[in-house]
Amino acid sequence: MSTNTFKSNVAANIVTSGNTLYTCPAATQTTLIGLTVSNKSASSITANAYLTRSSVDYSIISDAPILPGSTLVVVGGEQKVVLQANDILKIVASANGASDAIASLLEIV
C-alpha cells in the first residue's frame, strides 16, 4: 500500500549558482504539481529550472523573464512533472537574492 503526502518546499533568495529546491527521496516517486518563482527586485530577471537525474541537468524552463514584482508559474494547471528517486529540482536566477521559489509536491512512497 502506498502513502501519498502533499509537501511544499521553499527557497528564499535564489542565487546565480543555483539552489536545490527539492531532492526526491529513495524509494519514492514525486509529482511536481506547482512551481513558482517570484521577482522581489526592482529590475527584470531571468530564471531557469532543472531536473537533475544521474548528474545530468534537464531543462524545465530556460532564461524565462520575470518582470519586477511579478511571479512566473513554471509548473501548474494541467502541466505536471514526475520526479523519480534521487532526482533533484534546481532553480537558478540571473541576480543573487532577487527571487524566491515555491514547489508544491505530492510524494508517493
PDB file of N, CA and C in Angstrom:
ATOM      1  N   MET A   1       0.842  -1.178   0.000  1.00  0.00           N
ATOM      2  CA  MET A   1       0.000   0.000   0.000  1.00  0.00           C
ATOM      3  C   MET A   1       0.885   1.237   0.000  1.00  0.00           C
ATOM      4  N   SER A   2       0.574   2.187  -0.874  1.00  0.00           N
ATOM      5  CA  SER A   2       1.378   3.401  -0.956  1.00  0.00           C
ATOM      6  C   SER A   2       0.817   4.488  -0.042  1.00  0.00           C
ATOM      7  N   THR A   3       1.707   5.397   0.322  1.00  0.00           N
ATOM      8  CA  THR A   3       1.343   6.544   1.141  1.00  0.00           C
ATOM      9  C   THR A   3       1.555   7.807   0.314  1.00  0.00           C
ATOM     10  N   ASN A   4       0.537   8.656   0.224  1.00  0.00           N
ATOM     11  CA  ASN A   4       0.628   9.915  -0.510  1.00  0.00           C
ATOM     12  C   ASN A   4       0.716  11.071   0.478  1.00  0.00           C
ATOM     13  N   THR A   5       1.704  11.941   0.278  1.00  0.00           N
ATOM     14  CA  THR A   5       1.897  13.080   1.175  1.00  0.00           C
ATOM     15  C   THR A   5       2.114  14.346   0.357  1.00  0.00           C
ATOM     16  N   PHE A   6       1.272  15.362   0.585  1.00  0.00           N
ATOM     17  CA  PHE A   6       1.484  16.664  -0.048  1.00  0.00           C
ATOM     18  C   PHE A   6       2.561  17.414   0.722  1.00  0.00           C
ATOM     19  N   LYS A   7       3.448  18.091  -0.031  1.00  0.00           N
ATOM     20  CA  LYS A   7       4.525  18.871   0.585  1.00  0.00           C
ATOM     21  C   LYS A   7       4.681  20.194  -0.148  1.00  0.00           C
ATOM     22  N   SER A   8       5.274  21.129   0.558  1.00  0.00           N
ATOM     23  CA  SER A   8       5.619  22.419  -0.028  1.00  0.00           C
ATOM     24  C   SER A   8       7.065  22.711   0.356  1.00  0.00           C
ATOM     25  N   ASN A   9       7.917  22.894  -0.645  1.00  0.00           N
ATOM     26  CA  ASN A   9       9.311  23.249  -0.390  1.00  0.00           C
ATOM     27  C   ASN A   9       9.540  24.666  -0.885  1.00  0.00           C
ATOM     28  N   VAL A  10      10.311  25.431  -0.124  1.00  0.00           N
ATOM     29  CA  VAL A  10      10.563  26.823  -0.462  1.00  0.00           C
ATOM     30  C   VAL A  10      12.062  27.117  -0.450  1.00  0.00           C
ATOM     31  N   ALA A  11      12.445  28.109  -1.240  1.00  0.00           N
ATOM     32  CA  ALA A  11      13.816  28.604  -1.236  1.00  0.00           C
ATOM     33  C   ALA A  11      13.764  30.113  -1.379  1.00  0.00           C
ATOM     34  N   ALA A  12      14.388  30.798  -0.443  1.00  0.00           N
ATOM     35  CA  ALA A  12      14.442  32.258  -0.484  1.00  0.00           C
ATOM     36  C   ALA A  12      15.782  32.706  -1.064  1.00  0.00           C
ATOM     37  N   ASN A  13      15.771  33.851  -1.712  1.00  0.00           N
ATOM     38  CA  ASN A  13      16.987  34.485  -2.198  1.00  0.00           C
ATOM     39  C   ASN A  13      17.807  33.567  -3.105  1.00  0.00           C
ATOM     40  N   ILE A  14      17.178  33.126  -4.190  1.00  0.00           N
ATOM     41  CA  ILE A  14      17.833  32.254  -5.159  1.00  0.00           C
ATOM     42  C   ILE A  14      19.116  32.921  -5.669  1.00  0.00           C
ATOM     43  N   VAL A  15      20.145  32.121  -5.885  1.00  0.00           N
ATOM     44  CA  VAL A  15      21.450  32.659  -6.308  1.00  0.00           C
ATOM     45  C   VAL A  15      21.768  32.253  -7.743  1.00  0.00           C
ATOM     46  N   THR A  16      22.736  32.941  -8.331  1.00  0.00           N
ATOM     47  CA  THR A  16      23.107  32.695  -9.724  1.00  0.00           C
ATOM     48  C   THR A  16      23.780  31.334  -9.915  1.00  0.00           C
ATOM     49  N   SER A  17      24.309  30.758  -8.853  1.00  0.00           N
ATOM     50  CA  SER A  17      24.903  29.418  -8.958  1.00  0.00           C
ATOM     51  C   SER A  17      23.854  28.333  -8.755  1.00  0.00           C
ATOM     52  N   GLY A  18      22.650  28.722  -8.348  1.00  0.00           N
ATOM     53  CA  GLY A  18      21.535  27.782  -8.228  1.00  0.00           C
ATOM     54  C   GLY A  18      21.260  27.315  -6.815  1.00  0.00           C
ATOM     55  N   ASN A  19      20.009  27.004  -6.560  1.00  0.00           N
ATOM     56  CA  ASN A  19      19.544  26.470  -5.281  1.00  0.00           C
ATOM     57  C   ASN A  19      18.848  25.138  -5.523  1.00  0.00           C
ATOM     58  N   THR A  20      19.112  24.170  -4.663  1.00  0.00           N
ATOM     59  CA  THR A  20      18.359  22.923  -4.705  1.00  0.00           C
ATOM     60  C   THR A  20      17.058  23.155  -3.970  1.00  0.00           C
ATOM     61  N   LEU A  21      15.957  22.983  -4.670  1.00  0.00           N
ATOM     62  CA  LEU A  21      14.635  23.202  -4.088  1.00  0.00           C
ATOM     63  C   LEU A  21      14.066  21.917  -3.509  1.00  0.00           C
ATOM     64  N   TYR A  22      14.434  20.770  -4.111  1.00  0.00           N
ATOM     65  CA  TYR A  22      13.882  19.504  -3.650  1.00  0.00           C
ATOM     66  C   TYR A  22      14.743  18.359  -4.168  1.00  0.00           C
ATOM     67  N   THR A  23      14.924  17.346  -3.332  1.00  0.00           N
ATOM     68  CA  THR A  23      15.565  16.094  -3.732  1.00  0.00           C
ATOM     69  C   THR A  23      14.589  14.967  -3.436  1.00  0.00           C
ATOM     70  N   CYS A  24      14.257  14.196  -4.446  1.00  0.00           N
ATOM     71  CA  CYS A  24      13.295  13.104  -4.287  1.00  0.00           C
ATOM     72  C   CYS A  24      13.950  11.979  -3.473  1.00  0.00           C
ATOM     73  N   PRO A  25      13.330  11.594  -2.367  1.00  0.00           N
ATOM     74  CA  PRO A  25      13.911  10.543  -1.525  1.00  0.00           C
ATOM     75  C   PRO A  25      13.971   9.187  -2.245  1.00  0.00           C
ATOM     76  N   ALA A  26      14.826   8.306  -1.739  1.00  0.00           N
ATOM     77  CA  ALA A  26      14.922   6.946  -2.267  1.00  0.00           C
ATOM     78  C   ALA A  26      13.577   6.244  -2.084  1.00  0.00           C
ATOM     79  N   ALA A  27      13.290   5.303  -2.967  1.00  0.00           N
ATOM     80  CA  ALA A  27      12.050   4.506  -2.916  1.00  0.00           C
ATOM     81  C   ALA A  27      10.794   5.386  -2.949  1.00  0.00           C
ATOM     82  N   THR A  28      10.894   6.532  -3.638  1.00  0.00           N
ATOM     83  CA  THR A  28       9.784   7.490  -3.700  1.00  0.00           C
ATOM     84  C   THR A  28       9.639   8.010  -5.124  1.00  0.00           C
ATOM     85  N   GLN A  29       8.411   8.228  -5.529  1.00  0.00           N
ATOM     86  CA  GLN A  29       8.116   8.975  -6.746  1.00  0.00           C
ATOM     87  C   GLN A  29       7.384  10.230  -6.299  1.00  0.00           C
ATOM     88  N   THR A  30       7.669  11.330  -6.944  1.00  0.00           N
ATOM     89  CA  THR A  30       7.047  12.592  -6.567  1.00  0.00           C
ATOM     90  C   THR A  30       6.484  13.276  -7.799  1.00  0.00           C
ATOM     91  N   THR A  31       5.287  13.817  -7.675  1.00  0.00           N
ATOM     92  CA  THR A  31       4.704  14.617  -8.741  1.00  0.00           C
ATOM     93  C   THR A  31       4.836  16.080  -8.351  1.00  0.00           C
ATOM     94  N   LEU A  32       5.533  16.833  -9.188  1.00  0.00           N
ATOM     95  CA  LEU A  32       5.637  18.281  -9.015  1.00  0.00           C
ATOM     96  C   LEU A  32       4.359  18.869  -9.592  1.00  0.00           C
ATOM     97  N   ILE A  33       3.502  19.383  -8.711  1.00  0.00           N
ATOM     98  CA  ILE A  33       2.203  19.882  -9.165  1.00  0.00           C
ATOM     99  C   ILE A  33       2.164  21.398  -9.294  1.00  0.00           C
ATOM    100  N   GLY A  34       3.180  22.067  -8.759  1.00  0.00           N
ATOM    101  CA  GLY A  34       3.259  23.511  -8.892  1.00  0.00           C
ATOM    102  C   GLY A  34       4.666  24.005  -8.635  1.00  0.00           C
ATOM    103  N   LEU A  35       5.099  24.977  -9.421  1.00  0.00           N
ATOM    104  CA  LEU A  35       6.401  25.600  -9.219  1.00  0.00           C
ATOM    105  C   LEU A  35       6.292  27.063  -9.625  1.00  0.00           C
ATOM    106  N   THR A  36       6.534  27.947  -8.683  1.00  0.00           N
ATOM    107  CA  THR A  36       6.504  29.382  -8.966  1.00  0.00           C
ATOM    108  C   THR A  36       7.822  30.017  -8.553  1.00  0.00           C
ATOM    109  N   VAL A  37       8.216  31.037  -9.306  1.00  0.00           N
ATOM    110  CA  VAL A  37       9.414  31.813  -8.992  1.00  0.00           C
ATOM    111  C   VAL A  37       9.002  33.282  -9.010  1.00  0.00           C
ATOM    112  N   SER A  38       9.299  33.988  -7.926  1.00  0.00           N
ATOM    113  CA  SER A  38       8.919  35.401  -7.828  1.00  0.00           C
ATOM    114  C   SER A  38      10.140  36.296  -8.008  1.00  0.00           C
ATOM    115  N   ASN A  39       9.899  37.495  -8.499  1.00  0.00           N
ATOM    116  CA  ASN A  39      10.944  38.513  -8.620  1.00  0.00           C
ATOM    117  C   ASN A  39      10.676  39.587  -7.584  1.00  0.00           C
ATOM    118  N   LYS A  40      11.538  39.669  -6.574  1.00  0.00           N
ATOM    119  CA  LYS A  40      11.390  40.635  -5.488  1.00  0.00           C
ATOM    120  C   LYS A  40      12.106  41.949  -5.771  1.00  0.00           C
ATOM    121  N   SER A  41      12.813  42.010  -6.868  1.00  0.00           N
ATOM    122  CA  SER A  41      13.653  43.186  -7.132  1.00  0.00           C
ATOM    123  C   SER A  41      12.920  44.236  -7.970  1.00  0.00           C
ATOM    124  N   ALA A  42      13.596  45.350  -8.185  1.00  0.00           N
ATOM    125  CA  ALA A  42      13.046  46.447  -8.981  1.00  0.00           C
ATOM    126  C   ALA A  42      13.468  46.336 -10.447  1.00  0.00           C
ATOM    127  N   SER A  43      14.196  45.272 -10.793  1.00  0.00           N
ATOM    128  CA  SER A  43      14.668  45.068 -12.168  1.00  0.00           C
ATOM    129  C   SER A  43      14.182  43.720 -12.693  1.00  0.00           C
ATOM    130  N   SER A  44      14.097  43.594 -13.995  1.00  0.00           N
ATOM    131  CA  SER A  44      13.747  42.306 -14.597  1.00  0.00           C
ATOM    132  C   SER A  44      14.875  41.306 -14.373  1.00  0.00           C
ATOM    133  N   ILE A  45      14.497  40.048 -14.185  1.00  0.00           N
ATOM    134  CA  ILE A  45      15.469  38.963 -14.038  1.00  0.00           C
ATOM    135  C   ILE A  45      15.035  37.817 -14.952  1.00  0.00           C
ATOM    136  N   THR A  46      15.885  36.812 -15.056  1.00  0.00           N
ATOM    137  CA  THR A  46      15.511  35.575 -15.734  1.00  0.00           C
ATOM    138  C   THR A  46      15.704  34.421 -14.764  1.00  0.00           C
ATOM    139  N   ALA A  47      14.990  33.337 -15.034  1.00  0.00           N
ATOM    140  CA  ALA A  47      15.083  32.156 -14.174  1.00  0.00           C
ATOM    141  C   ALA A  47      15.190  30.893 -15.015  1.00  0.00           C
ATOM    142  N   ASN A  48      15.846  29.905 -14.443  1.00  0.00           N
ATOM    143  CA  ASN A  48      15.984  28.580 -15.037  1.00  0.00           C
ATOM    144  C   ASN A  48      15.561  27.556 -14.000  1.00  0.00           C
ATOM    145  N   ALA A  49      14.924  26.488 -14.451  1.00  0.00           N
ATOM    146  CA  ALA A  49      14.574  25.373 -13.570  1.00  0.00           C
ATOM    147  C   ALA A  49      15.057  24.097 -14.242  1.00  0.00           C
ATOM    148  N   TYR A  50      15.675  23.238 -13.445  1.00  0.00           N
ATOM    149  CA  TYR A  50      16.239  21.995 -13.955  1.00  0.00           C
ATOM    150  C   TYR A  50      15.799  20.811 -13.122  1.00  0.00           C
ATOM    151  N   LEU A  51      15.636  19.690 -13.780  1.00  0.00           N
ATOM    152  CA  LEU A  51      15.525  18.403 -13.117  1.00  0.00           C
ATOM    153  C   LEU A  51      16.873  17.719 -13.354  1.00  0.00           C
ATOM    154  N   THR A  52      17.552  17.356 -12.277  1.00  0.00           N
ATOM    155  CA  THR A  52      18.837  16.684 -12.400  1.00  0.00           C
ATOM    156  C   THR A  52      18.659  15.209 -12.083  1.00  0.00           C
ATOM    157  N   ARG A  53      19.046  14.371 -13.047  1.00  0.00           N
ATOM    158  CA  ARG A  53      18.961  12.916 -12.882  1.00  0.00           C
ATOM    159  C   ARG A  53      20.310  12.328 -13.295  1.00  0.00           C
ATOM    160  N   SER A  54      20.889  11.551 -12.407  1.00  0.00           N
ATOM    161  CA  SER A  54      22.188  10.911 -12.688  1.00  0.00           C
ATOM    162  C   SER A  54      23.219  11.936 -13.150  1.00  0.00           C
ATOM    163  N   SER A  55      23.280  13.064 -12.450  1.00  0.00           N
ATOM    164  CA  SER A  55      24.241  14.144 -12.697  1.00  0.00           C
ATOM    165  C   SER A  55      24.055  14.875 -14.024  1.00  0.00           C
ATOM    166  N   VAL A  56      22.927  14.653 -14.709  1.00  0.00           N
ATOM    167  CA  VAL A  56      22.638  15.362 -15.953  1.00  0.00           C
ATOM    168  C   VAL A  56      21.472  16.313 -15.704  1.00  0.00           C
ATOM    169  N   ASP A  57      21.646  17.604 -16.084  1.00  0.00           N
ATOM    170  CA  ASP A  57      20.588  18.605 -15.934  1.00  0.00           C
ATOM    171  C   ASP A  57      19.676  18.585 -17.156  1.00  0.00           C
ATOM    172  N   TYR A  58      18.365  18.488 -16.896  1.00  0.00           N
ATOM    173  CA  TYR A  58      17.345  18.564 -17.945  1.00  0.00           C
ATOM    174  C   TYR A  58      16.523  19.823 -17.689  1.00  0.00           C
ATOM    175  N   SER A  59      16.478  20.694 -18.675  1.00  0.00           N
ATOM    176  CA  SER A  59      15.826  21.991 -18.511  1.00  0.00           C
ATOM    177  C   SER A  59      14.302  21.853 -18.476  1.00  0.00           C
ATOM    178  N   ILE A  60      13.694  22.447 -17.463  1.00  0.00           N
ATOM    179  CA  ILE A  60      12.239  22.578 -17.406  1.00  0.00           C
ATOM    180  C   ILE A  60      11.845  23.903 -18.041  1.00  0.00           C
ATOM    181  N   ILE A  61      12.633  24.942 -17.733  1.00  0.00           N
ATOM    182  CA  ILE A  61      12.461  26.255 -18.352  1.00  0.00           C
ATOM    183  C   ILE A  61      13.826  26.935 -18.370  1.00  0.00           C
ATOM    184  N   SER A  62      14.080  27.718 -19.418  1.00  0.00           N
ATOM    185  CA  SER A  62      15.402  28.307 -19.584  1.00  0.00           C
ATOM    186  C   SER A  62      15.310  29.797 -19.891  1.00  0.00           C
ATOM    187  N   ASP A  63      16.026  30.584 -19.098  1.00  0.00           N
ATOM    188  CA  ASP A  63      16.107  32.043 -19.287  1.00  0.00           C
ATOM    189  C   ASP A  63      14.740  32.703 -19.431  1.00  0.00           C
ATOM    190  N   ALA A  64      13.801  32.278 -18.609  1.00  0.00           N
ATOM    191  CA  ALA A  64      12.451  32.851 -18.642  1.00  0.00           C
ATOM    192  C   ALA A  64      12.452  34.215 -17.950  1.00  0.00           C
ATOM    193  N   PRO A  65      11.952  35.249 -18.615  1.00  0.00           N
ATOM    194  CA  PRO A  65      11.942  36.585 -18.000  1.00  0.00           C
ATOM    195  C   PRO A  65      10.861  36.705 -16.918  1.00  0.00           C
ATOM    196  N   ILE A  66      11.216  37.400 -15.850  1.00  0.00           N
ATOM    197  CA  ILE A  66      10.254  37.713 -14.788  1.00  0.00           C
ATOM    198  C   ILE A  66      10.356  39.211 -14.529  1.00  0.00           C
ATOM    199  N   LEU A  67       9.259  39.917 -14.750  1.00  0.00           N
ATOM    200  CA  LEU A  67       9.233  41.367 -14.545  1.00  0.00           C
ATOM    201  C   LEU A  67       9.321  41.707 -13.065  1.00  0.00           C
ATOM    202  N   PRO A  68       9.735  42.928 -12.726  1.00  0.00           N
ATOM    203  CA  PRO A  68       9.828  43.333 -11.321  1.00  0.00           C
ATOM    204  C   PRO A  68       8.491  43.168 -10.602  1.00  0.00           C
ATOM    205  N   GLY A  69       8.534  42.572  -9.430  1.00  0.00           N
ATOM    206  CA  GLY A  69       7.338  42.427  -8.614  1.00  0.00           C
ATOM    207  C   GLY A  69       6.346  41.391  -9.097  1.00  0.00           C
ATOM    208  N   SER A  70       6.726  40.565 -10.070  1.00  0.00           N
ATOM    209  CA  SER A  70       5.782  39.577 -10.585  1.00  0.00           C
ATOM    210  C   SER A  70       6.269  38.156 -10.310  1.00  0.00           C
ATOM    211  N   THR A  71       5.441  37.191 -10.706  1.00  0.00           N
ATOM    212  CA  THR A  71       5.726  35.782 -10.456  1.00  0.00           C
ATOM    213  C   THR A  71       5.573  34.996 -11.748  1.00  0.00           C
ATOM    214  N   LEU A  72       6.469  34.045 -11.952  1.00  0.00           N
ATOM    215  CA  LEU A  72       6.412  33.133 -13.080  1.00  0.00           C
ATOM    216  C   LEU A  72       5.909  31.785 -12.588  1.00  0.00           C
ATOM    217  N   VAL A  73       4.855  31.268 -13.208  1.00  0.00           N
ATOM    218  CA  VAL A  73       4.361  29.926 -12.893  1.00  0.00           C
ATOM    219  C   VAL A  73       5.032  28.981 -13.887  1.00  0.00           C
ATOM    220  N   VAL A  74       6.001  28.240 -13.402  1.00  0.00           N
ATOM    221  CA  VAL A  74       6.772  27.340 -14.248  1.00  0.00           C
ATOM    222  C   VAL A  74       6.009  26.042 -14.486  1.00  0.00           C
ATOM    223  N   VAL A  75       5.440  25.495 -13.422  1.00  0.00           N
ATOM    224  CA  VAL A  75       4.634  24.268 -13.489  1.00  0.00           C
ATOM    225  C   VAL A  75       3.328  24.544 -12.762  1.00  0.00           C
ATOM    226  N   GLY A  76       2.213  24.145 -13.362  1.00  0.00           N
ATOM    227  CA  GLY A  76       0.909  24.343 -12.738  1.00  0.00           C
ATOM    228  C   GLY A  76      -0.192  24.079 -13.743  1.00  0.00           C
ATOM    229  N   GLY A  77      -1.416  24.209 -13.293  1.00  0.00           N
ATOM    230  CA  GLY A  77      -2.539  23.943 -14.192  1.00  0.00           C
ATOM    231  C   GLY A  77      -2.533  22.504 -14.647  1.00  0.00           C
ATOM    232  N   GLU A  78      -2.551  22.285 -15.939  1.00  0.00           N
ATOM    233  CA  GLU A  78      -2.589  20.929 -16.484  1.00  0.00           C
ATOM    234  C   GLU A  78      -1.215  20.273 -16.566  1.00  0.00           C
ATOM    235  N   GLN A  79      -0.143  21.069 -16.454  1.00  0.00           N
ATOM    236  CA  GLN A  79       1.205  20.515 -16.556  1.00  0.00           C
ATOM    237  C   GLN A  79       1.687  19.997 -15.209  1.00  0.00           C
ATOM    238  N   LYS A  80       2.270  18.810 -15.209  1.00  0.00           N
ATOM    239  CA  LYS A  80       2.888  18.221 -14.026  1.00  0.00           C
ATOM    240  C   LYS A  80       4.235  17.647 -14.455  1.00  0.00           C
ATOM    241  N   VAL A  81       5.137  17.447 -13.493  1.00  0.00           N
ATOM    242  CA  VAL A  81       6.428  16.820 -13.760  1.00  0.00           C
ATOM    243  C   VAL A  81       6.620  15.711 -12.741  1.00  0.00           C
ATOM    244  N   VAL A  82       6.960  14.508 -13.224  1.00  0.00           N
ATOM    245  CA  VAL A  82       7.186  13.373 -12.336  1.00  0.00           C
ATOM    246  C   VAL A  82       8.671  13.258 -12.042  1.00  0.00           C
ATOM    247  N   LEU A  83       8.996  13.185 -10.752  1.00  0.00           N
ATOM    248  CA  LEU A  83      10.373  13.015 -10.303  1.00  0.00           C
ATOM    249  C   LEU A  83      10.549  11.600  -9.778  1.00  0.00           C
ATOM    250  N   GLN A  84      11.659  10.986 -10.131  1.00  0.00           N
ATOM    251  CA  GLN A  84      11.973   9.652  -9.654  1.00  0.00           C
ATOM    252  C   GLN A  84      12.927   9.744  -8.471  1.00  0.00           C
ATOM    253  N   ALA A  85      13.115   8.624  -7.798  1.00  0.00           N
ATOM    254  CA  ALA A  85      14.023   8.582  -6.647  1.00  0.00           C
ATOM    255  C   ALA A  85      15.373   9.192  -7.007  1.00  0.00           C
ATOM    256  N   ASN A  86      15.861  10.073  -6.147  1.00  0.00           N
ATOM    257  CA  ASN A  86      17.158  10.758  -6.258  1.00  0.00           C
ATOM    258  C   ASN A  86      17.194  11.887  -7.283  1.00  0.00           C
ATOM    259  N   ASP A  87      16.096  12.173  -7.979  1.00  0.00           N
ATOM    260  CA  ASP A  87      16.051  13.343  -8.858  1.00  0.00           C
ATOM    261  C   ASP A  87      16.138  14.607  -8.006  1.00  0.00           C
ATOM    262  N   ILE A  88      16.720  15.652  -8.582  1.00  0.00           N
ATOM    263  CA  ILE A  88      16.894  16.926  -7.874  1.00  0.00           C
ATOM    264  C   ILE A  88      16.238  18.033  -8.694  1.00  0.00           C
ATOM    265  N   LEU A  89      15.482  18.896  -8.029  1.00  0.00           N
ATOM    266  CA  LEU A  89      14.877  20.068  -8.651  1.00  0.00           C
ATOM    267  C   LEU A  89      15.707  21.284  -8.258  1.00  0.00           C
ATOM    268  N   LYS A  90      16.270  21.981  -9.269  1.00  0.00           N
ATOM    269  CA  LYS A  90      17.130  23.139  -9.022  1.00  0.00           C
ATOM    270  C   LYS A  90      16.561  24.384  -9.694  1.00  0.00           C
ATOM    271  N   ILE A  91      16.770  25.518  -9.038  1.00  0.00           N
ATOM    272  CA  ILE A  91      16.361  26.819  -9.567  1.00  0.00           C
ATOM    273  C   ILE A  91      17.593  27.716  -9.637  1.00  0.00           C
ATOM    274  N   VAL A  92      17.734  28.443 -10.740  1.00  0.00           N
ATOM    275  CA  VAL A  92      18.832  29.388 -10.931  1.00  0.00           C
ATOM    276  C   VAL A  92      18.220  30.718 -11.358  1.00  0.00           C
ATOM    277  N   ALA A  93      18.734  31.816 -10.816  1.00  0.00           N
ATOM    278  CA  ALA A  93      18.256  33.149 -11.194  1.00  0.00           C
ATOM    279  C   ALA A  93      19.415  33.985 -11.713  1.00  0.00           C
ATOM    280  N   SER A  94      19.093  35.011 -12.489  1.00  0.00           N
ATOM    281  CA  SER A  94      20.132  35.856 -13.084  1.00  0.00           C
ATOM    282  C   SER A  94      20.697  36.896 -12.127  1.00  0.00           C
ATOM    283  N   ALA A  95      20.066  37.073 -10.967  1.00  0.00           N
ATOM    284  CA  ALA A  95      20.563  38.044  -9.976  1.00  0.00           C
ATOM    285  C   ALA A  95      20.480  37.426  -8.580  1.00  0.00           C
ATOM    286  N   ASN A  96      21.553  37.504  -7.838  1.00  0.00           N
ATOM    287  CA  ASN A  96      21.581  36.952  -6.486  1.00  0.00           C
ATOM    288  C   ASN A  96      20.561  37.616  -5.577  1.00  0.00           C
ATOM    289  N   GLY A  97      19.780  36.799  -4.890  1.00  0.00           N
ATOM    290  CA  GLY A  97      18.860  37.292  -3.872  1.00  0.00           C
ATOM    291  C   GLY A  97      17.619  37.994  -4.375  1.00  0.00           C
ATOM    292  N   ALA A  98      17.395  38.025  -5.689  1.00  0.00           N
ATOM    293  CA  ALA A  98      16.267  38.771  -6.237  1.00  0.00           C
ATOM    294  C   ALA A  98      14.980  37.957  -6.308  1.00  0.00           C
ATOM    295  N   SER A  99      15.060  36.653  -6.049  1.00  0.00           N
ATOM    296  CA  SER A  99      13.870  35.832  -6.251  1.00  0.00           C
ATOM    297  C   SER A  99      13.719  34.764  -5.174  1.00  0.00           C
ATOM    298  N   ASP A 100      12.482  34.295  -5.037  1.00  0.00           N
ATOM    299  CA  ASP A 100      12.133  33.165  -4.174  1.00  0.00           C
ATOM    300  C   ASP A 100      11.428  32.132  -5.042  1.00  0.00           C
ATOM    301  N   ALA A 101      11.411  30.874  -4.575  1.00  0.00           N
ATOM    302  CA  ALA A 101      10.725  29.827  -5.318  1.00  0.00           C
ATOM    303  C   ALA A 101       9.929  28.955  -4.356  1.00  0.00           C
ATOM    304  N   ILE A 102       8.788  28.466  -4.849  1.00  0.00           N
ATOM    305  CA  ILE A 102       7.922  27.567  -4.074  1.00  0.00           C
ATOM    306  C   ILE A 102       7.557  26.393  -4.969  1.00  0.00           C
ATOM    307  N   ALA A 103       7.759  25.184  -4.437  1.00  0.00           N
ATOM    308  CA  ALA A 103       7.367  23.970  -5.147  1.00  0.00           C
ATOM    309  C   ALA A 103       6.275  23.260  -4.337  1.00  0.00           C
ATOM    310  N   SER A 104       5.200  22.883  -5.012  1.00  0.00           N
ATOM    311  CA  SER A 104       4.145  22.086  -4.415  1.00  0.00           C
ATOM    312  C   SER A 104       4.284  20.671  -4.975  1.00  0.00           C
ATOM    313  N   LEU A 105       4.338  19.701  -4.066  1.00  0.00           N
ATOM    314  CA  LEU A 105       4.691  18.335  -4.450  1.00  0.00           C
ATOM    315  C   LEU A 105       3.746  17.314  -3.839  1.00  0.00           C
ATOM    316  N   LEU A 106       3.630  16.165  -4.503  1.00  0.00           N
ATOM    317  CA  LEU A 106       2.918  15.022  -3.968  1.00  0.00           C
ATOM    318  C   LEU A 106       3.890  13.847  -3.973  1.00  0.00           C
ATOM    319  N   GLU A 107       4.321  13.425  -2.774  1.00  0.00           N
ATOM    320  CA  GLU A 107       5.226  12.282  -2.646  1.00  0.00           C
ATOM    321  C   GLU A 107       4.407  10.989  -2.532  1.00  0.00           C
ATOM    322  N   ILE A 108       4.849   9.990  -3.279  1.00  0.00           N
ATOM    323  CA  ILE A 108       4.206   8.676  -3.255  1.00  0.00           C
ATOM    324  C   ILE A 108       5.254   7.656  -2.848  1.00  0.00           C
ATOM    325  N   VAL A 109       5.049   7.063  -1.692  1.00  0.00           N
ATOM    326  CA  VAL A 109       6.019   6.089  -1.154  1.00  0.00           C
ATOM    327  C   VAL A 109       5.368   4.731  -1.155  1.00  0.00           C
TER     328      VAL A 109
END
